[in-house]
Every structure is written in C-alpha cells, then in structure tokens.
Amino acid sequence: MPVHAITPNYSGEVKDRIENFNGNQVVYVGWDKHLMFCAPFAFPLPPDMPFRVLFESVMPDPFCVHPEWEKIDWSNVSWLLDGKPFTPQLDIALQDQGIGHKSVVRFQTPELLGFQNSGV
C-alpha cells in the first residue's frame, strides 16, 4: 500500500529498502484470527532460505506462546501469500516461491479461532 505525504513536494529517504538489510529481505508472517498477535511478525530472512527453515525454525519461536500453537493440524492449514492462496513448498527457496521483500505470508487454521474463540 503506497503512502502519500500530505505536504506538497515531500521527499525523504526510504529506510526499509532491501539494500538496507545486508542480503536479507523482510518477510511478514501472520496467523489469521489469532488476536493475541496484533500484526504479522517481521523477519529479516535470506531470500534463498528454504520455506522449511521458516516453518520449522523461525515461526515456532514467536508463535509458540499462543495456547493453540500445539493444537494446529498442519494438514488443514491454508496459506496466503500477499493476499492470494499459496501452497508452500518446504524445500524450495523463499524467493523461488515468489516470497519477496516485504511479502506477507499468512496462515489460517480453520479449526482454531484464537484464544477462547476471540477470532470469530
């Protein structure tokens, strides 16, 4: 989503350009309907990282504090990449699956609707 300045002729340095992340790219990951997390987490990740590393090593650390994390049936999870349905390939690099700088990966757990069903 572009941001427009309310001041005419405003110019400023963009601080979140990919060049500023030392070879990494920012990837946002969110768990839909789980309001314990107010926004997707932002991770600086290497573009050539396989999705499996994101899934098995990166995601559990912040998300495991949610009481439903251990209850996820991963075979029923649906995924979105930048708002479109997505089927991650575990052993393929992020960049090779279209996950780029500032992409948003979201996952949905239809059987889990947040703590005490707060995501209904």
N, C-alpha and C. Protein backbone atom coordinates (compact mmCIF):
# COMPACT_ATOMS: atom_id res chain seq x y z
N MET A 1 0.85 -1.17 0.00
CA MET A 1 0.00 0.00 0.00
C MET A 1 0.90 1.23 0.00
N PRO A 2 0.77 2.08 -0.99
CA PRO A 2 1.59 3.29 -1.01
C PRO A 2 1.13 4.28 0.05
N VAL A 3 2.07 5.04 0.52
CA VAL A 3 1.78 6.10 1.49
C VAL A 3 1.99 7.43 0.79
N HIS A 4 1.06 8.33 0.96
CA HIS A 4 1.15 9.63 0.33
C HIS A 4 1.32 10.70 1.40
N ALA A 5 2.30 11.56 1.22
CA ALA A 5 2.54 12.65 2.16
C ALA A 5 1.47 13.72 1.99
N ILE A 6 1.13 14.37 3.08
CA ILE A 6 0.14 15.45 3.00
C ILE A 6 0.82 16.80 2.75
N THR A 7 2.13 16.80 2.74
CA THR A 7 2.88 18.01 2.46
C THR A 7 3.33 17.98 1.00
N PRO A 8 3.02 19.01 0.22
CA PRO A 8 3.44 19.02 -1.19
C PRO A 8 4.96 18.92 -1.32
N ASN A 9 5.40 18.18 -2.33
CA ASN A 9 6.82 18.04 -2.66
C ASN A 9 7.65 17.41 -1.55
N TYR A 10 7.01 16.64 -0.66
CA TYR A 10 7.76 15.96 0.39
C TYR A 10 8.67 14.91 -0.23
N SER A 11 9.87 14.83 0.26
CA SER A 11 10.76 13.74 -0.14
C SER A 11 11.54 13.31 1.09
N GLY A 12 11.81 12.06 1.15
CA GLY A 12 12.54 11.52 2.29
C GLY A 12 13.21 10.22 1.89
N GLU A 13 14.16 9.81 2.69
CA GLU A 13 14.88 8.58 2.41
C GLU A 13 14.04 7.39 2.87
N VAL A 14 13.89 6.41 2.00
CA VAL A 14 13.18 5.18 2.33
C VAL A 14 14.15 4.29 3.09
N LYS A 15 13.84 4.01 4.35
CA LYS A 15 14.75 3.26 5.22
C LYS A 15 14.59 1.75 5.11
N ASP A 16 13.45 1.29 4.59
CA ASP A 16 13.25 -0.16 4.56
C ASP A 16 13.48 -0.76 3.17
N ARG A 17 14.35 -0.13 2.40
CA ARG A 17 14.73 -0.70 1.10
C ARG A 17 15.50 -2.00 1.34
N ILE A 18 15.40 -2.92 0.41
CA ILE A 18 16.07 -4.21 0.55
C ILE A 18 17.59 -4.04 0.70
N GLU A 19 18.12 -3.01 0.12
CA GLU A 19 19.57 -2.78 0.20
C GLU A 19 20.03 -2.53 1.64
N ASN A 20 19.12 -2.18 2.51
CA ASN A 20 19.48 -1.88 3.90
C ASN A 20 19.42 -3.09 4.82
N PHE A 21 19.22 -4.28 4.29
CA PHE A 21 19.06 -5.47 5.12
C PHE A 21 20.18 -6.49 4.96
N ASN A 22 21.33 -6.06 4.47
CA ASN A 22 22.54 -6.90 4.43
C ASN A 22 22.31 -8.27 3.81
N GLY A 23 21.66 -8.30 2.67
CA GLY A 23 21.43 -9.56 1.96
C GLY A 23 20.14 -10.26 2.35
N ASN A 24 19.48 -9.79 3.37
CA ASN A 24 18.20 -10.36 3.78
C ASN A 24 17.05 -9.59 3.15
N GLN A 25 15.87 -10.12 3.28
CA GLN A 25 14.65 -9.43 2.89
C GLN A 25 13.69 -9.53 4.07
N VAL A 26 12.82 -8.56 4.21
CA VAL A 26 11.83 -8.60 5.28
C VAL A 26 10.64 -9.41 4.80
N VAL A 27 10.26 -10.41 5.60
CA VAL A 27 9.09 -11.23 5.31
C VAL A 27 8.19 -11.15 6.54
N TYR A 28 6.93 -10.81 6.32
CA TYR A 28 5.96 -10.73 7.40
C TYR A 28 5.18 -12.04 7.45
N VAL A 29 4.96 -12.55 8.66
CA VAL A 29 4.20 -13.79 8.84
C VAL A 29 3.13 -13.56 9.89
N GLY A 30 1.88 -13.84 9.52
CA GLY A 30 0.76 -13.64 10.44
C GLY A 30 -0.13 -14.86 10.52
N TRP A 31 -0.77 -15.01 11.68
CA TRP A 31 -1.70 -16.11 11.94
C TRP A 31 -3.09 -15.49 12.01
N ASP A 32 -3.88 -15.70 10.99
CA ASP A 32 -5.21 -15.08 10.91
C ASP A 32 -6.11 -15.52 12.08
N LYS A 33 -6.92 -14.58 12.54
CA LYS A 33 -7.92 -14.75 13.60
C LYS A 33 -7.31 -15.03 14.97
N HIS A 34 -6.04 -14.80 15.13
CA HIS A 34 -5.39 -15.01 16.43
C HIS A 34 -4.94 -13.64 16.94
N LEU A 35 -5.86 -13.02 17.65
CA LEU A 35 -5.72 -11.63 18.04
C LEU A 35 -4.72 -11.39 19.16
N MET A 36 -4.13 -12.46 19.68
CA MET A 36 -3.06 -12.29 20.65
C MET A 36 -1.87 -11.57 19.98
N PHE A 37 -1.80 -11.72 18.67
CA PHE A 37 -0.76 -11.06 17.87
C PHE A 37 -1.44 -9.96 17.06
N CYS A 38 -1.11 -8.73 17.35
CA CYS A 38 -1.84 -7.61 16.74
C CYS A 38 -1.48 -7.39 15.27
N ALA A 39 -0.36 -7.94 14.85
CA ALA A 39 0.09 -7.74 13.48
C ALA A 39 1.03 -8.88 13.11
N PRO A 40 1.27 -9.08 11.82
CA PRO A 40 2.25 -10.11 11.45
C PRO A 40 3.63 -9.78 12.02
N PHE A 41 4.38 -10.83 12.30
CA PHE A 41 5.76 -10.67 12.74
C PHE A 41 6.62 -10.36 11.51
N ALA A 42 7.64 -9.54 11.69
CA ALA A 42 8.57 -9.19 10.62
C ALA A 42 9.89 -9.90 10.86
N PHE A 43 10.33 -10.64 9.86
CA PHE A 43 11.58 -11.39 9.97
C PHE A 43 12.53 -11.00 8.84
N PRO A 44 13.79 -10.67 9.17
CA PRO A 44 14.79 -10.47 8.11
C PRO A 44 15.37 -11.83 7.73
N LEU A 45 15.05 -12.29 6.52
CA LEU A 45 15.41 -13.65 6.11
C LEU A 45 16.19 -13.64 4.80
N PRO A 46 17.11 -14.58 4.64
CA PRO A 46 17.79 -14.69 3.35
C PRO A 46 16.82 -15.16 2.27
N PRO A 47 16.85 -14.56 1.10
CA PRO A 47 15.94 -14.95 0.03
C PRO A 47 16.08 -16.42 -0.38
N ASP A 48 17.28 -16.99 -0.19
CA ASP A 48 17.50 -18.39 -0.60
C ASP A 48 17.18 -19.39 0.51
N MET A 49 16.62 -18.92 1.62
CA MET A 49 16.24 -19.82 2.71
C MET A 49 15.08 -20.70 2.26
N PRO A 50 15.17 -22.01 2.47
CA PRO A 50 14.02 -22.87 2.15
C PRO A 50 12.85 -22.56 3.08
N PHE A 51 11.65 -22.73 2.58
CA PHE A 51 10.46 -22.47 3.39
C PHE A 51 10.47 -23.33 4.65
N ARG A 52 11.04 -24.54 4.57
CA ARG A 52 11.10 -25.43 5.72
C ARG A 52 11.79 -24.76 6.92
N VAL A 53 12.82 -24.00 6.68
CA VAL A 53 13.53 -23.32 7.78
C VAL A 53 12.63 -22.26 8.41
N LEU A 54 11.93 -21.51 7.59
CA LEU A 54 10.97 -20.53 8.11
C LEU A 54 9.92 -21.26 8.95
N PHE A 55 9.37 -22.32 8.42
CA PHE A 55 8.29 -23.06 9.06
C PHE A 55 8.73 -23.78 10.34
N GLU A 56 9.87 -24.44 10.29
CA GLU A 56 10.30 -25.27 11.43
C GLU A 56 11.18 -24.55 12.44
N SER A 57 11.91 -23.55 12.01
CA SER A 57 12.88 -22.91 12.91
C SER A 57 12.56 -21.47 13.28
N VAL A 58 11.93 -20.73 12.38
CA VAL A 58 11.66 -19.31 12.63
C VAL A 58 10.28 -19.11 13.25
N MET A 59 9.25 -19.66 12.64
CA MET A 59 7.88 -19.42 13.10
C MET A 59 7.59 -19.90 14.52
N PRO A 60 8.07 -21.06 14.94
CA PRO A 60 7.70 -21.52 16.29
C PRO A 60 8.11 -20.58 17.42
N ASP A 61 9.23 -19.93 17.30
CA ASP A 61 9.72 -19.10 18.40
C ASP A 61 8.72 -18.02 18.82
N PRO A 62 8.21 -17.19 17.92
CA PRO A 62 7.25 -16.18 18.37
C PRO A 62 5.83 -16.72 18.56
N PHE A 63 5.42 -17.69 17.73
CA PHE A 63 4.04 -18.14 17.78
C PHE A 63 3.75 -19.15 18.89
N CYS A 64 4.77 -19.84 19.39
CA CYS A 64 4.53 -20.91 20.37
C CYS A 64 3.97 -20.40 21.69
N VAL A 65 4.04 -19.11 21.95
CA VAL A 65 3.47 -18.58 23.19
C VAL A 65 1.94 -18.61 23.17
N HIS A 66 1.35 -18.79 22.01
CA HIS A 66 -0.10 -18.87 21.92
C HIS A 66 -0.56 -20.25 22.39
N PRO A 67 -1.59 -20.31 23.24
CA PRO A 67 -2.02 -21.61 23.77
C PRO A 67 -2.54 -22.59 22.72
N GLU A 68 -2.86 -22.11 21.52
CA GLU A 68 -3.35 -23.02 20.48
C GLU A 68 -2.26 -23.51 19.54
N TRP A 69 -1.07 -23.01 19.65
CA TRP A 69 0.01 -23.37 18.73
C TRP A 69 0.19 -24.88 18.64
N GLU A 70 0.24 -25.56 19.75
CA GLU A 70 0.47 -27.01 19.76
C GLU A 70 -0.73 -27.79 19.22
N LYS A 71 -1.87 -27.15 19.07
CA LYS A 71 -3.08 -27.82 18.60
C LYS A 71 -3.26 -27.74 17.09
N ILE A 72 -2.38 -27.04 16.40
CA ILE A 72 -2.54 -26.86 14.96
C ILE A 72 -2.42 -28.19 14.22
N ASP A 73 -3.40 -28.46 13.38
CA ASP A 73 -3.34 -29.58 12.46
C ASP A 73 -2.81 -29.02 11.14
N TRP A 74 -1.52 -29.14 10.92
CA TRP A 74 -0.88 -28.51 9.77
C TRP A 74 -1.40 -29.04 8.44
N SER A 75 -2.02 -30.21 8.44
CA SER A 75 -2.56 -30.73 7.18
C SER A 75 -3.83 -29.97 6.77
N ASN A 76 -4.44 -29.22 7.69
CA ASN A 76 -5.64 -28.44 7.39
C ASN A 76 -5.38 -26.94 7.27
N VAL A 77 -4.15 -26.53 7.40
CA VAL A 77 -3.82 -25.11 7.33
C VAL A 77 -3.89 -24.63 5.89
N SER A 78 -4.45 -23.45 5.71
CA SER A 78 -4.40 -22.81 4.39
C SER A 78 -3.47 -21.60 4.50
N TRP A 79 -2.81 -21.30 3.41
CA TRP A 79 -1.79 -20.26 3.38
C TRP A 79 -2.17 -19.19 2.36
N LEU A 80 -1.76 -17.97 2.64
CA LEU A 80 -1.89 -16.86 1.70
C LEU A 80 -0.53 -16.21 1.55
N LEU A 81 -0.22 -15.82 0.34
CA LEU A 81 0.99 -15.05 0.06
C LEU A 81 0.54 -13.76 -0.60
N ASP A 82 0.78 -12.66 0.09
CA ASP A 82 0.38 -11.35 -0.40
C ASP A 82 -1.11 -11.33 -0.79
N GLY A 83 -1.93 -11.98 0.04
CA GLY A 83 -3.37 -11.96 -0.13
C GLY A 83 -3.94 -12.99 -1.09
N LYS A 84 -3.10 -13.83 -1.68
CA LYS A 84 -3.57 -14.82 -2.63
C LYS A 84 -3.26 -16.23 -2.11
N PRO A 85 -4.13 -17.20 -2.42
CA PRO A 85 -3.87 -18.58 -1.97
C PRO A 85 -2.48 -19.05 -2.40
N PHE A 86 -1.87 -19.82 -1.53
CA PHE A 86 -0.48 -20.20 -1.70
C PHE A 86 -0.26 -21.58 -1.10
N THR A 87 0.49 -22.41 -1.78
CA THR A 87 0.88 -23.71 -1.24
C THR A 87 2.39 -23.72 -1.12
N PRO A 88 2.91 -23.57 0.11
CA PRO A 88 4.36 -23.53 0.26
C PRO A 88 4.99 -24.88 -0.07
N GLN A 89 6.16 -24.79 -0.67
CA GLN A 89 6.98 -25.97 -0.94
C GLN A 89 8.14 -25.92 0.04
N LEU A 90 8.19 -26.88 0.94
CA LEU A 90 9.11 -26.82 2.08
C LEU A 90 10.57 -26.72 1.69
N ASP A 91 10.99 -27.39 0.63
CA ASP A 91 12.41 -27.43 0.30
C ASP A 91 12.81 -26.48 -0.82
N ILE A 92 11.95 -25.54 -1.14
CA ILE A 92 12.23 -24.54 -2.18
C ILE A 92 12.49 -23.20 -1.50
N ALA A 93 13.44 -22.45 -2.05
CA ALA A 93 13.80 -21.14 -1.50
C ALA A 93 12.62 -20.18 -1.51
N LEU A 94 12.60 -19.30 -0.52
CA LEU A 94 11.55 -18.29 -0.43
C LEU A 94 11.39 -17.53 -1.74
N GLN A 95 12.51 -17.01 -2.26
CA GLN A 95 12.44 -16.19 -3.47
C GLN A 95 11.92 -16.99 -4.66
N ASP A 96 12.19 -18.28 -4.70
CA ASP A 96 11.74 -19.11 -5.83
C ASP A 96 10.25 -19.44 -5.75
N GLN A 97 9.62 -19.09 -4.63
CA GLN A 97 8.18 -19.28 -4.47
C GLN A 97 7.43 -17.96 -4.54
N GLY A 98 8.15 -16.90 -4.90
CA GLY A 98 7.51 -15.59 -5.02
C GLY A 98 7.45 -14.81 -3.72
N ILE A 99 8.15 -15.28 -2.69
CA ILE A 99 8.19 -14.56 -1.42
C ILE A 99 9.34 -13.58 -1.51
N GLY A 100 8.99 -12.31 -1.62
CA GLY A 100 10.00 -11.27 -1.81
C GLY A 100 10.07 -10.32 -0.64
N HIS A 101 10.83 -9.25 -0.82
CA HIS A 101 10.99 -8.23 0.21
C HIS A 101 9.64 -7.61 0.54
N LYS A 102 9.28 -7.66 1.80
CA LYS A 102 8.04 -7.12 2.35
C LYS A 102 6.80 -7.93 1.95
N SER A 103 7.00 -9.20 1.54
CA SER A 103 5.86 -10.08 1.30
C SER A 103 5.20 -10.41 2.64
N VAL A 104 3.90 -10.71 2.57
CA VAL A 104 3.14 -11.11 3.75
C VAL A 104 2.66 -12.54 3.55
N VAL A 105 3.13 -13.44 4.41
CA VAL A 105 2.69 -14.83 4.43
C VAL A 105 1.74 -14.97 5.61
N ARG A 106 0.51 -15.43 5.33
CA ARG A 106 -0.47 -15.63 6.41
C ARG A 106 -0.92 -17.07 6.39
N PHE A 107 -1.18 -17.60 7.58
CA PHE A 107 -1.74 -18.94 7.64
C PHE A 107 -3.03 -18.92 8.43
N GLN A 108 -3.93 -19.82 8.02
CA GLN A 108 -5.26 -19.89 8.61
C GLN A 108 -5.51 -21.30 9.12
N THR A 109 -6.02 -21.37 10.34
CA THR A 109 -6.30 -22.65 10.99
C THR A 109 -7.82 -22.72 11.21
N PRO A 110 -8.53 -23.36 10.29
CA PRO A 110 -10.00 -23.32 10.35
C PRO A 110 -10.58 -23.91 11.64
N GLU A 111 -9.89 -24.86 12.25
CA GLU A 111 -10.43 -25.46 13.46
C GLU A 111 -10.08 -24.68 14.72
N LEU A 112 -9.20 -23.70 14.61
CA LEU A 112 -8.77 -22.89 15.76
C LEU A 112 -9.10 -21.43 15.48
N LEU A 113 -9.81 -20.81 16.39
CA LEU A 113 -10.27 -19.44 16.15
C LEU A 113 -9.76 -18.47 17.22
N GLY A 114 -8.58 -18.72 17.71
CA GLY A 114 -7.99 -17.80 18.69
C GLY A 114 -8.38 -18.17 20.11
N PHE A 115 -7.65 -17.59 21.05
CA PHE A 115 -7.88 -17.85 22.46
C PHE A 115 -9.33 -17.58 22.84
N GLN A 116 -10.00 -18.59 23.37
CA GLN A 116 -11.41 -18.51 23.75
C GLN A 116 -12.28 -18.03 22.58
N ASN A 117 -11.92 -18.45 21.37
CA ASN A 117 -12.64 -18.12 20.13
C ASN A 117 -12.73 -16.62 19.87
N SER A 118 -11.72 -15.88 20.28
CA SER A 118 -11.72 -14.42 20.11
C SER A 118 -11.65 -13.98 18.65
N GLY A 119 -11.26 -14.88 17.75
CA GLY A 119 -11.15 -14.51 16.35
C GLY A 119 -12.41 -14.76 15.55
N VAL A 120 -13.50 -15.11 16.20
CA VAL A 120 -14.75 -15.40 15.49
C VAL A 120 -15.29 -14.13 14.87
